[in-house]
Amino acid sequence: MHSREMALMASSLHRLGMRYGRLLGQCQALEALVPERVRRLRDGDGTPSSERPDTRQA
């Protein structure tokens, strides 16, 4: 590969990495705002019955 192509690839990878890092930071900031109760609901410890699959016999 030519050095210019390598430089372009390195630049693109760097930009992708920076973007990924920013998104990761935003996700962590949002998760910090989610109350523990909501986190437990989401993890299935107290899922509302409306979100559970219907297992009743027909």
Protein backbone atom coordinates (compact mmCIF):
# COMPACT_ATOMS: atom_id res chain seq x y z
CA MET A 1 0.00 0.00 0.00
CA HIS A 2 1.12 3.54 -0.63
CA SER A 3 1.85 5.74 2.34
CA ARG A 4 -1.03 8.06 1.41
CA GLU A 5 -3.51 5.16 1.53
CA MET A 6 -2.09 4.08 4.88
CA ALA A 7 -2.45 7.62 6.22
CA LEU A 8 -6.07 7.80 5.03
CA MET A 9 -6.87 4.44 6.61
CA ALA A 10 -5.22 5.44 9.88
CA SER A 11 -7.14 8.71 9.88
CA SER A 12 -10.45 6.94 9.24
CA LEU A 13 -9.78 4.40 11.98
CA HIS A 14 -8.87 7.18 14.38
CA ARG A 15 -12.12 9.04 13.61
CA LEU A 16 -14.13 5.85 14.09
CA GLY A 17 -12.40 5.22 17.41
CA MET A 18 -13.11 8.74 18.60
CA ARG A 19 -16.77 8.45 17.59
CA TYR A 20 -17.07 5.09 19.34
CA GLY A 21 -15.50 6.53 22.47
CA ARG A 22 -17.96 9.43 22.49
CA LEU A 23 -20.94 7.10 22.05
CA LEU A 24 -19.67 4.86 24.82
CA GLY A 25 -19.37 7.85 27.12
CA GLN A 26 -22.92 8.95 26.30
CA CYS A 27 -24.24 5.44 27.01
CA GLN A 28 -22.49 5.35 30.38
CA ALA A 29 -23.83 8.79 31.26
CA LEU A 30 -27.37 7.70 30.37
CA GLU A 31 -27.07 4.47 32.35
CA ALA A 32 -25.97 6.49 35.37
CA LEU A 33 -29.27 8.37 35.16
CA VAL A 34 -31.38 5.21 35.12
CA PRO A 35 -32.68 4.42 38.62
CA GLU A 36 -31.76 1.01 40.05
CA ARG A 37 -35.44 -0.01 40.08
CA VAL A 38 -35.72 0.49 36.33
CA ARG A 39 -32.48 -1.42 35.82
CA ARG A 40 -33.89 -4.37 37.79
CA LEU A 41 -37.09 -4.30 35.71
CA ARG A 42 -35.07 -4.30 32.52
CA ASP A 43 -32.94 -7.23 33.71
CA GLY A 44 -36.05 -9.35 34.28
CA ASP A 45 -36.28 -9.35 38.08
CA GLY A 46 -39.66 -7.67 37.97
CA THR A 47 -40.81 -7.62 34.40
CA PRO A 48 -44.41 -6.38 34.09
CA SER A 49 -46.78 -9.13 33.00
CA SER A 50 -47.58 -7.16 29.86
CA GLU A 51 -43.99 -7.71 28.70
CA ARG A 52 -43.86 -11.42 29.55
CA PRO A 53 -44.60 -13.98 26.85
CA ASP A 54 -48.09 -15.43 27.18
CA THR A 55 -47.68 -18.98 28.48
CA ARG A 56 -51.38 -19.73 29.13
CA GLN A 57 -52.76 -22.92 27.63
CA ALA A 58 -55.31 -22.40 24.84
